[in-house]
Every structure is written in structure tokens, then in C-alpha cells.
Amino acid sequence: MHCPFCKAEDTQVIDSRVSEDGDSIRRRRRCLACNKRFTTYETIELRMPQVVKQDGSRIDFDLDKLRTGFMRALHKRPVPTPLVDEAVATITQNVLALGEREIPSRRIGEMVMKELYKLDKVAYIRFASVYKSFQDVDDFQDAIKEVKKPPGRK
């Protein structure tokens, strides 16, 4: 760790403490060259995988884009924001848990559909109509029949 004052490389850790939320470590340091003190924070860096789009191009995983997809599907639907946040967090955790460097956009879309199905059936149909590129009314009717099926039946 370089000293922010004199840029010397030799610093000493005087004190280390875990933050209240437990996701970072605060370190109090002293420069061995100029004797000045400073604080550093150590946090976990989670690397989200690259998203492989239909055309083969790759983009960074974008949490805002994921949230926007939910918000568009849920527009004017009675779903509380905390439930949307929970669904977004679930998908993010699932993506991280895969441990992959790349993930197909299709797989993320399927995760979104699964979460929307639990949250709101109308939002699910909206998202599915775009995601699955519905071409006519029959596609909508099939999706509605699927939503109306009792759980566990195919």
C-alpha cells in the first residue's frame, strides 16, 4: 500500500476492524517513511460474468438493465418495490452462484420469467410476449393457458 502523502511503499497496519455490516475491513495504517496515518478499506470484489447476446456479442452484466426489464413488465401492476428488489437480488445471486465467466442472455431471460411468474402473472405475460417474440394472438392464448394451469401439471 502506497502512502497517500509521500508515496512511500512501506506502511504498517496499526489497527483492523470489520465494518458493522460485515462486508468490509477498515485498516488504520502508518507510513514508515513520513510517519503519517491514513485509513484504507478492504472490500470483496465480485466479478459478474459477461452476458453473451443472441448475435454472439458480449456485454457487461448490467444490474440497471435487469431492473428496467422488471419495471417495464410490472408497469402499473400492484407489486411492491421490495419484492422487485428481492427478485433482482435472487437473479444476481443465481448468476454469481453459477461461477461462470460468461452467461447467455437467454439464461438470464429465463431467470427473469421465473421470478415474474412468482410476482405477477400479467407482468409475466408482458415479458414473455417480448422475450419469446409472440407473433399473433395464439401465442398470447398459449401463454395464458400456461399461467392458468394448476401447479405441477404440464
N, C-alpha and C. Protein backbone atom coordinates (compact mmCIF):
# COMPACT_ATOMS: atom_id res chain seq x y z
N MET A 1 0.86 -1.17 0.00
CA MET A 1 0.00 0.00 0.00
C MET A 1 0.90 1.23 0.00
N HIS A 2 0.72 2.11 -0.97
CA HIS A 2 1.49 3.36 -1.04
C HIS A 2 0.90 4.40 -0.09
N CYS A 3 1.78 5.16 0.53
CA CYS A 3 1.35 6.27 1.39
C CYS A 3 0.75 7.36 0.51
N PRO A 4 -0.44 7.87 0.84
CA PRO A 4 -1.06 8.91 0.01
C PRO A 4 -0.35 10.27 0.15
N PHE A 5 0.51 10.41 1.16
CA PHE A 5 1.19 11.68 1.41
C PHE A 5 2.55 11.74 0.72
N CYS A 6 3.40 10.72 0.96
CA CYS A 6 4.76 10.76 0.41
C CYS A 6 5.01 9.70 -0.66
N LYS A 7 4.01 8.86 -0.92
CA LYS A 7 4.06 7.80 -1.93
C LYS A 7 5.04 6.67 -1.59
N ALA A 8 5.52 6.61 -0.37
CA ALA A 8 6.42 5.53 0.05
C ALA A 8 5.66 4.20 0.03
N GLU A 9 6.36 3.11 -0.22
CA GLU A 9 5.73 1.80 -0.30
C GLU A 9 5.59 1.10 1.04
N ASP A 10 6.40 1.48 2.01
CA ASP A 10 6.38 0.80 3.30
C ASP A 10 5.39 1.44 4.26
N THR A 11 4.30 0.70 4.54
CA THR A 11 3.32 1.16 5.52
C THR A 11 3.07 0.02 6.49
N GLN A 12 2.60 0.39 7.67
CA GLN A 12 2.35 -0.59 8.71
C GLN A 12 0.87 -0.52 9.12
N VAL A 13 0.24 -1.69 9.27
CA VAL A 13 -1.15 -1.73 9.73
C VAL A 13 -1.13 -1.60 11.25
N ILE A 14 -1.82 -0.58 11.75
CA ILE A 14 -1.88 -0.32 13.18
C ILE A 14 -3.09 -1.00 13.81
N ASP A 15 -4.22 -0.95 13.08
CA ASP A 15 -5.47 -1.49 13.61
C ASP A 15 -6.35 -1.97 12.46
N SER A 16 -7.06 -3.09 12.66
CA SER A 16 -8.01 -3.61 11.67
C SER A 16 -9.34 -3.87 12.36
N ARG A 17 -10.42 -3.46 11.71
CA ARG A 17 -11.76 -3.70 12.25
C ARG A 17 -12.72 -4.06 11.13
N VAL A 18 -13.60 -4.99 11.44
CA VAL A 18 -14.65 -5.37 10.50
C VAL A 18 -15.76 -4.33 10.61
N SER A 19 -16.31 -3.90 9.45
CA SER A 19 -17.39 -2.92 9.47
C SER A 19 -18.63 -3.49 10.13
N GLU A 20 -19.58 -2.62 10.49
CA GLU A 20 -20.81 -3.06 11.16
C GLU A 20 -21.60 -4.06 10.32
N ASP A 21 -21.66 -3.81 9.00
CA ASP A 21 -22.43 -4.71 8.14
C ASP A 21 -21.63 -5.96 7.76
N GLY A 22 -20.36 -6.00 8.12
CA GLY A 22 -19.54 -7.19 7.92
C GLY A 22 -19.03 -7.41 6.52
N ASP A 23 -19.21 -6.42 5.62
CA ASP A 23 -18.76 -6.64 4.25
C ASP A 23 -17.48 -5.88 3.87
N SER A 24 -16.82 -5.28 4.86
CA SER A 24 -15.54 -4.63 4.59
C SER A 24 -14.70 -4.60 5.86
N ILE A 25 -13.41 -4.38 5.65
CA ILE A 25 -12.48 -4.26 6.77
C ILE A 25 -11.83 -2.89 6.71
N ARG A 26 -11.86 -2.20 7.80
CA ARG A 26 -11.24 -0.87 7.92
C ARG A 26 -9.86 -1.08 8.52
N ARG A 27 -8.84 -0.54 7.84
CA ARG A 27 -7.47 -0.68 8.33
C ARG A 27 -6.87 0.70 8.57
N ARG A 28 -6.34 0.88 9.76
CA ARG A 28 -5.63 2.10 10.10
C ARG A 28 -4.16 1.82 9.83
N ARG A 29 -3.52 2.67 9.03
CA ARG A 29 -2.13 2.46 8.63
C ARG A 29 -1.25 3.65 9.01
N ARG A 30 0.05 3.34 9.11
CA ARG A 30 1.06 4.38 9.39
C ARG A 30 2.18 4.21 8.39
N CYS A 31 2.57 5.32 7.77
CA CYS A 31 3.67 5.31 6.82
C CYS A 31 4.98 5.25 7.60
N LEU A 32 5.85 4.33 7.23
CA LEU A 32 7.13 4.18 7.92
C LEU A 32 8.13 5.24 7.51
N ALA A 33 7.88 5.92 6.38
CA ALA A 33 8.80 6.97 5.92
C ALA A 33 8.46 8.34 6.52
N CYS A 34 7.17 8.76 6.42
CA CYS A 34 6.80 10.10 6.89
C CYS A 34 6.04 10.08 8.21
N ASN A 35 5.69 8.90 8.70
CA ASN A 35 5.01 8.71 9.98
C ASN A 35 3.54 9.19 10.00
N LYS A 36 2.98 9.57 8.85
CA LYS A 36 1.58 10.00 8.82
C LYS A 36 0.67 8.77 8.79
N ARG A 37 -0.56 8.99 9.29
CA ARG A 37 -1.54 7.91 9.36
C ARG A 37 -2.67 8.12 8.35
N PHE A 38 -3.20 7.00 7.89
CA PHE A 38 -4.33 7.05 6.97
C PHE A 38 -5.15 5.77 7.10
N THR A 39 -6.35 5.79 6.54
CA THR A 39 -7.27 4.66 6.65
C THR A 39 -7.52 4.08 5.26
N THR A 40 -7.56 2.76 5.19
CA THR A 40 -7.94 2.08 3.95
C THR A 40 -9.11 1.14 4.27
N TYR A 41 -9.84 0.79 3.23
CA TYR A 41 -10.97 -0.14 3.37
C TYR A 41 -10.79 -1.29 2.38
N GLU A 42 -10.97 -2.48 2.87
CA GLU A 42 -10.85 -3.67 2.05
C GLU A 42 -12.24 -4.26 1.87
N THR A 43 -12.66 -4.43 0.62
CA THR A 43 -13.98 -5.00 0.34
C THR A 43 -13.84 -6.12 -0.68
N ILE A 44 -14.85 -6.97 -0.72
CA ILE A 44 -14.88 -8.06 -1.69
C ILE A 44 -15.26 -7.49 -3.05
N GLU A 45 -14.55 -7.91 -4.06
CA GLU A 45 -14.90 -7.50 -5.41
C GLU A 45 -15.50 -8.71 -6.13
N LEU A 46 -16.79 -8.62 -6.40
CA LEU A 46 -17.47 -9.69 -7.09
C LEU A 46 -17.50 -9.38 -8.58
N ARG A 47 -16.99 -10.29 -9.37
CA ARG A 47 -16.96 -10.09 -10.81
C ARG A 47 -18.16 -10.81 -11.42
N MET A 48 -19.04 -10.01 -11.98
CA MET A 48 -20.19 -10.58 -12.66
C MET A 48 -19.72 -11.08 -14.02
N PRO A 49 -20.35 -12.13 -14.51
CA PRO A 49 -19.94 -12.67 -15.82
C PRO A 49 -20.35 -11.75 -16.97
N GLN A 50 -19.73 -11.95 -18.09
CA GLN A 50 -20.11 -11.26 -19.32
C GLN A 50 -21.40 -11.92 -19.82
N VAL A 51 -22.27 -11.12 -20.43
CA VAL A 51 -23.51 -11.63 -20.99
C VAL A 51 -23.31 -11.81 -22.49
N VAL A 52 -23.55 -13.05 -22.96
CA VAL A 52 -23.42 -13.35 -24.38
C VAL A 52 -24.79 -13.18 -25.02
N LYS A 53 -24.87 -12.20 -25.91
CA LYS A 53 -26.15 -11.88 -26.56
C LYS A 53 -26.42 -12.86 -27.70
N GLN A 54 -27.63 -12.79 -28.25
CA GLN A 54 -28.06 -13.69 -29.34
C GLN A 54 -27.11 -13.64 -30.54
N ASP A 55 -26.61 -12.44 -30.85
CA ASP A 55 -25.74 -12.28 -32.02
C ASP A 55 -24.28 -12.66 -31.74
N GLY A 56 -24.01 -13.13 -30.51
CA GLY A 56 -22.65 -13.54 -30.16
C GLY A 56 -21.82 -12.46 -29.51
N SER A 57 -22.32 -11.22 -29.52
CA SER A 57 -21.57 -10.14 -28.88
C SER A 57 -21.63 -10.29 -27.37
N ARG A 58 -20.69 -9.68 -26.69
CA ARG A 58 -20.61 -9.77 -25.23
C ARG A 58 -20.70 -8.39 -24.61
N ILE A 59 -21.48 -8.31 -23.52
CA ILE A 59 -21.59 -7.05 -22.79
C ILE A 59 -21.45 -7.35 -21.30
N ASP A 60 -21.17 -6.33 -20.52
CA ASP A 60 -21.09 -6.49 -19.08
C ASP A 60 -22.49 -6.72 -18.52
N PHE A 61 -22.57 -7.54 -17.47
CA PHE A 61 -23.83 -7.73 -16.76
C PHE A 61 -24.23 -6.37 -16.21
N ASP A 62 -25.46 -5.96 -16.46
CA ASP A 62 -25.92 -4.63 -16.07
C ASP A 62 -27.14 -4.75 -15.16
N LEU A 63 -26.92 -4.47 -13.88
CA LEU A 63 -27.98 -4.55 -12.89
C LEU A 63 -29.12 -3.58 -13.21
N ASP A 64 -28.78 -2.40 -13.71
CA ASP A 64 -29.82 -1.41 -14.06
C ASP A 64 -30.70 -1.92 -15.20
N LYS A 65 -30.08 -2.58 -16.16
CA LYS A 65 -30.84 -3.13 -17.28
C LYS A 65 -31.79 -4.23 -16.80
N LEU A 66 -31.32 -5.04 -15.87
CA LEU A 66 -32.15 -6.09 -15.29
C LEU A 66 -33.35 -5.48 -14.57
N ARG A 67 -33.10 -4.47 -13.75
CA ARG A 67 -34.16 -3.79 -13.01
C ARG A 67 -35.15 -3.12 -13.97
N THR A 68 -34.64 -2.51 -15.03
CA THR A 68 -35.51 -1.86 -16.02
C THR A 68 -36.44 -2.87 -16.67
N GLY A 69 -35.93 -4.06 -16.97
CA GLY A 69 -36.77 -5.11 -17.55
C GLY A 69 -37.93 -5.46 -16.63
N PHE A 70 -37.62 -5.57 -15.33
CA PHE A 70 -38.69 -5.85 -14.36
C PHE A 70 -39.69 -4.69 -14.32
N MET A 71 -39.19 -3.48 -14.27
CA MET A 71 -40.08 -2.32 -14.13
C MET A 71 -40.99 -2.16 -15.36
N ARG A 72 -40.47 -2.45 -16.53
CA ARG A 72 -41.31 -2.37 -17.73
C ARG A 72 -42.42 -3.41 -17.69
N ALA A 73 -42.05 -4.63 -17.32
CA ALA A 73 -43.06 -5.69 -17.26
C ALA A 73 -44.09 -5.42 -16.16
N LEU A 74 -43.65 -4.79 -15.07
CA LEU A 74 -44.52 -4.55 -13.92
C LEU A 74 -45.19 -3.18 -13.93
N HIS A 75 -45.04 -2.45 -15.04
CA HIS A 75 -45.61 -1.10 -15.13
C HIS A 75 -47.10 -1.12 -14.79
N LYS A 76 -47.48 -0.28 -13.80
CA LYS A 76 -48.87 -0.14 -13.33
C LYS A 76 -49.45 -1.44 -12.77
N ARG A 77 -48.58 -2.29 -12.24
CA ARG A 77 -49.04 -3.52 -11.59
C ARG A 77 -48.82 -3.37 -10.09
N PRO A 78 -49.68 -3.98 -9.27
CA PRO A 78 -49.60 -3.79 -7.81
C PRO A 78 -48.55 -4.69 -7.14
N VAL A 79 -47.28 -4.49 -7.51
CA VAL A 79 -46.19 -5.28 -6.92
C VAL A 79 -45.28 -4.32 -6.16
N PRO A 80 -45.12 -4.52 -4.86
CA PRO A 80 -44.28 -3.62 -4.06
C PRO A 80 -42.80 -3.67 -4.50
N THR A 81 -42.17 -2.52 -4.44
CA THR A 81 -40.76 -2.40 -4.83
C THR A 81 -39.85 -3.36 -4.08
N PRO A 82 -40.04 -3.59 -2.76
CA PRO A 82 -39.17 -4.54 -2.07
C PRO A 82 -39.20 -5.95 -2.67
N LEU A 83 -40.35 -6.35 -3.21
CA LEU A 83 -40.43 -7.67 -3.85
C LEU A 83 -39.65 -7.68 -5.16
N VAL A 84 -39.67 -6.56 -5.88
CA VAL A 84 -38.89 -6.45 -7.12
C VAL A 84 -37.40 -6.50 -6.77
N ASP A 85 -37.01 -5.76 -5.72
CA ASP A 85 -35.61 -5.75 -5.28
C ASP A 85 -35.16 -7.16 -4.91
N GLU A 86 -36.03 -7.88 -4.25
CA GLU A 86 -35.72 -9.26 -3.85
C GLU A 86 -35.54 -10.16 -5.07
N ALA A 87 -36.39 -10.00 -6.06
CA ALA A 87 -36.29 -10.80 -7.29
C ALA A 87 -34.99 -10.49 -8.04
N VAL A 88 -34.64 -9.21 -8.12
CA VAL A 88 -33.39 -8.80 -8.77
C VAL A 88 -32.20 -9.38 -8.02
N ALA A 89 -32.25 -9.32 -6.69
CA ALA A 89 -31.16 -9.87 -5.87
C ALA A 89 -31.06 -11.38 -6.05
N THR A 90 -32.19 -12.06 -6.16
CA THR A 90 -32.19 -13.51 -6.37
C THR A 90 -31.50 -13.86 -7.69
N ILE A 91 -31.84 -13.13 -8.74
CA ILE A 91 -31.22 -13.40 -10.04
C ILE A 91 -29.72 -13.10 -9.98
N THR A 92 -29.35 -11.99 -9.36
CA THR A 92 -27.93 -11.64 -9.24
C THR A 92 -27.17 -12.73 -8.50
N GLN A 93 -27.74 -13.21 -7.39
CA GLN A 93 -27.09 -14.28 -6.62
C GLN A 93 -27.00 -15.57 -7.44
N ASN A 94 -28.05 -15.88 -8.19
CA ASN A 94 -28.04 -17.08 -9.04
C ASN A 94 -26.96 -16.99 -10.12
N VAL A 95 -26.81 -15.82 -10.70
CA VAL A 95 -25.79 -15.61 -11.73
C VAL A 95 -24.40 -15.77 -11.11
N LEU A 96 -24.19 -15.17 -9.95
CA LEU A 96 -22.90 -15.30 -9.26
C LEU A 96 -22.63 -16.76 -8.87
N ALA A 97 -23.66 -17.45 -8.41
CA ALA A 97 -23.50 -18.83 -7.95
C ALA A 97 -23.11 -19.78 -9.08
N LEU A 98 -23.42 -19.40 -10.31
CA LEU A 98 -23.03 -20.24 -11.45
C LEU A 98 -21.51 -20.34 -11.57
N GLY A 99 -20.84 -19.27 -11.14
CA GLY A 99 -19.37 -19.26 -11.19
C GLY A 99 -18.80 -19.22 -12.60
N GLU A 100 -19.59 -18.83 -13.55
CA GLU A 100 -19.16 -18.79 -14.95
C GLU A 100 -18.60 -17.42 -15.31
N ARG A 101 -17.73 -17.39 -16.31
CA ARG A 101 -17.20 -16.12 -16.78
C ARG A 101 -18.14 -15.48 -17.80
N GLU A 102 -18.98 -16.34 -18.42
CA GLU A 102 -19.95 -15.87 -19.41
C GLU A 102 -21.28 -16.57 -19.16
N ILE A 103 -22.36 -15.85 -19.48
CA ILE A 103 -23.70 -16.43 -19.35
C ILE A 103 -24.53 -15.95 -20.53
N PRO A 104 -25.25 -16.87 -21.17
CA PRO A 104 -26.11 -16.46 -22.30
C PRO A 104 -27.25 -15.56 -21.83
N SER A 105 -27.58 -14.57 -22.62
CA SER A 105 -28.68 -13.66 -22.27
C SER A 105 -29.99 -14.44 -22.12
N ARG A 106 -30.13 -15.52 -22.87
CA ARG A 106 -31.32 -16.38 -22.78
C ARG A 106 -31.51 -16.91 -21.36
N ARG A 107 -30.41 -17.30 -20.74
CA ARG A 107 -30.49 -17.87 -19.39
C ARG A 107 -30.97 -16.82 -18.39
N ILE A 108 -30.49 -15.60 -18.56
CA ILE A 108 -30.95 -14.51 -17.69
C ILE A 108 -32.43 -14.24 -17.93
N GLY A 109 -32.84 -14.24 -19.19
CA GLY A 109 -34.25 -14.05 -19.53
C GLY A 109 -35.14 -15.10 -18.89
N GLU A 110 -34.67 -16.35 -18.86
CA GLU A 110 -35.43 -17.42 -18.23
C GLU A 110 -35.55 -17.19 -16.72
N MET A 111 -34.47 -16.70 -16.12
CA MET A 111 -34.50 -16.39 -14.68
C MET A 111 -35.50 -15.27 -14.39
N VAL A 112 -35.53 -14.26 -15.27
CA VAL A 112 -36.46 -13.15 -15.10
C VAL A 112 -37.89 -13.67 -15.23
N MET A 113 -38.15 -14.52 -16.22
CA MET A 113 -39.50 -15.05 -16.39
C MET A 113 -39.93 -15.85 -15.17
N LYS A 114 -39.02 -16.62 -14.60
CA LYS A 114 -39.35 -17.42 -13.41
C LYS A 114 -39.74 -16.51 -12.24
N GLU A 115 -38.98 -15.43 -12.05
CA GLU A 115 -39.28 -14.50 -10.95
C GLU A 115 -40.57 -13.73 -11.20
N LEU A 116 -40.80 -13.31 -12.45
CA LEU A 116 -42.03 -12.59 -12.78
C LEU A 116 -43.25 -13.49 -12.61
N TYR A 117 -43.10 -14.76 -12.93
CA TYR A 117 -44.20 -15.71 -12.77
C TYR A 117 -44.64 -15.74 -11.31
N LYS A 118 -43.67 -15.69 -10.39
CA LYS A 118 -43.98 -15.70 -8.95
C LYS A 118 -44.60 -14.38 -8.50
N LEU A 119 -44.17 -13.27 -9.12
CA LEU A 119 -44.62 -11.94 -8.68
C LEU A 119 -45.98 -11.54 -9.22
N ASP A 120 -46.17 -11.71 -10.54
CA ASP A 120 -47.38 -11.19 -11.16
C ASP A 120 -47.56 -11.85 -12.53
N LYS A 121 -48.68 -12.51 -12.72
CA LYS A 121 -48.92 -13.26 -13.96
C LYS A 121 -49.06 -12.35 -15.18
N VAL A 122 -49.64 -11.17 -14.98
CA VAL A 122 -49.79 -10.23 -16.11
C VAL A 122 -48.40 -9.74 -16.56
N ALA A 123 -47.56 -9.42 -15.61
CA ALA A 123 -46.20 -8.98 -15.93
C ALA A 123 -45.43 -10.11 -16.62
N TYR A 124 -45.67 -11.32 -16.17
CA TYR A 124 -45.04 -12.49 -16.79
C TYR A 124 -45.43 -12.57 -18.27
N ILE A 125 -46.73 -12.42 -18.56
CA ILE A 125 -47.21 -12.47 -19.95
C ILE A 125 -46.61 -11.34 -20.77
N ARG A 126 -46.55 -10.13 -20.19
CA ARG A 126 -45.95 -9.00 -20.89
C ARG A 126 -44.51 -9.31 -21.28
N PHE A 127 -43.73 -9.76 -20.30
CA PHE A 127 -42.32 -10.05 -20.55
C PHE A 127 -42.17 -11.18 -21.56
N ALA A 128 -42.97 -12.23 -21.38
CA ALA A 128 -42.90 -13.38 -22.28
C ALA A 128 -43.22 -12.98 -23.72
N SER A 129 -44.14 -12.05 -23.89
CA SER A 129 -44.53 -11.64 -25.26
C SER A 129 -43.35 -11.02 -26.01
N VAL A 130 -42.51 -10.31 -25.29
CA VAL A 130 -41.33 -9.71 -25.92
C VAL A 130 -40.20 -10.73 -25.99
N TYR A 131 -39.96 -11.40 -24.87
CA TYR A 131 -38.86 -12.35 -24.76
C TYR A 131 -38.99 -13.50 -25.76
N LYS A 132 -40.21 -14.02 -25.89
CA LYS A 132 -40.44 -15.14 -26.80
C LYS A 132 -40.92 -14.69 -28.18
N SER A 133 -40.93 -13.39 -28.42
CA SER A 133 -41.32 -12.82 -29.72
C SER A 133 -42.66 -13.35 -30.22
N PHE A 134 -43.70 -13.13 -29.42
CA PHE A 134 -45.03 -13.56 -29.82
C PHE A 134 -45.37 -12.93 -31.17
N GLN A 135 -45.94 -13.75 -32.06
CA GLN A 135 -46.27 -13.29 -33.41
C GLN A 135 -47.75 -12.98 -33.60
N ASP A 136 -48.60 -13.69 -32.85
CA ASP A 136 -50.04 -13.47 -33.02
C ASP A 136 -50.78 -13.77 -31.72
N VAL A 137 -52.09 -13.66 -31.77
CA VAL A 137 -52.94 -13.83 -30.60
C VAL A 137 -52.82 -15.25 -30.04
N ASP A 138 -52.61 -16.23 -30.90
CA ASP A 138 -52.48 -17.62 -30.45
C ASP A 138 -51.33 -17.77 -29.45
N ASP A 139 -50.24 -17.07 -29.69
CA ASP A 139 -49.10 -17.13 -28.76
C ASP A 139 -49.50 -16.61 -27.38
N PHE A 140 -50.28 -15.54 -27.36
CA PHE A 140 -50.77 -14.99 -26.08
C PHE A 140 -51.70 -16.00 -25.40
N GLN A 141 -52.59 -16.59 -26.18
CA GLN A 141 -53.54 -17.56 -25.61
C GLN A 141 -52.80 -18.75 -25.01
N ASP A 142 -51.77 -19.22 -25.69
CA ASP A 142 -50.98 -20.34 -25.17
C ASP A 142 -50.31 -19.96 -23.85
N ALA A 143 -49.77 -18.75 -23.78
CA ALA A 143 -49.10 -18.30 -22.55
C ALA A 143 -50.11 -18.16 -21.42
N ILE A 144 -51.29 -17.67 -21.74
CA ILE A 144 -52.34 -17.51 -20.71
C ILE A 144 -52.78 -18.88 -20.20
N LYS A 145 -52.93 -19.86 -21.10
CA LYS A 145 -53.28 -21.21 -20.68
C LYS A 145 -52.21 -21.78 -19.75
N GLU A 146 -50.97 -21.51 -20.08
CA GLU A 146 -49.85 -21.98 -19.25
C GLU A 146 -49.93 -21.38 -17.84
N VAL A 147 -50.28 -20.10 -17.75
CA VAL A 147 -50.39 -19.43 -16.45
C VAL A 147 -51.57 -19.96 -15.67
N LYS A 148 -52.65 -20.33 -16.35
CA LYS A 148 -53.86 -20.79 -15.66
C LYS A 148 -53.77 -22.24 -15.19
N LYS A 149 -52.79 -23.02 -15.71
CA LYS A 149 -52.65 -24.42 -15.31
C LYS A 149 -52.39 -24.54 -13.81
N PRO A 150 -52.97 -25.58 -13.20
CA PRO A 150 -52.65 -25.82 -11.78
C PRO A 150 -51.15 -26.17 -11.66
N PRO A 151 -50.53 -25.82 -10.54
CA PRO A 151 -49.10 -26.12 -10.35
C PRO A 151 -48.82 -27.60 -10.45
N GLY A 152 -47.68 -27.93 -11.06
CA GLY A 152 -47.26 -29.32 -11.17
C GLY A 152 -47.76 -30.03 -12.40
N ARG A 153 -48.62 -29.40 -13.20
CA ARG A 153 -49.13 -30.04 -14.42
C ARG A 153 -48.46 -29.42 -15.62
N LYS A 154 -48.20 -30.24 -16.61
CA LYS A 154 -47.56 -29.76 -17.84
C LYS A 154 -48.51 -29.81 -19.00
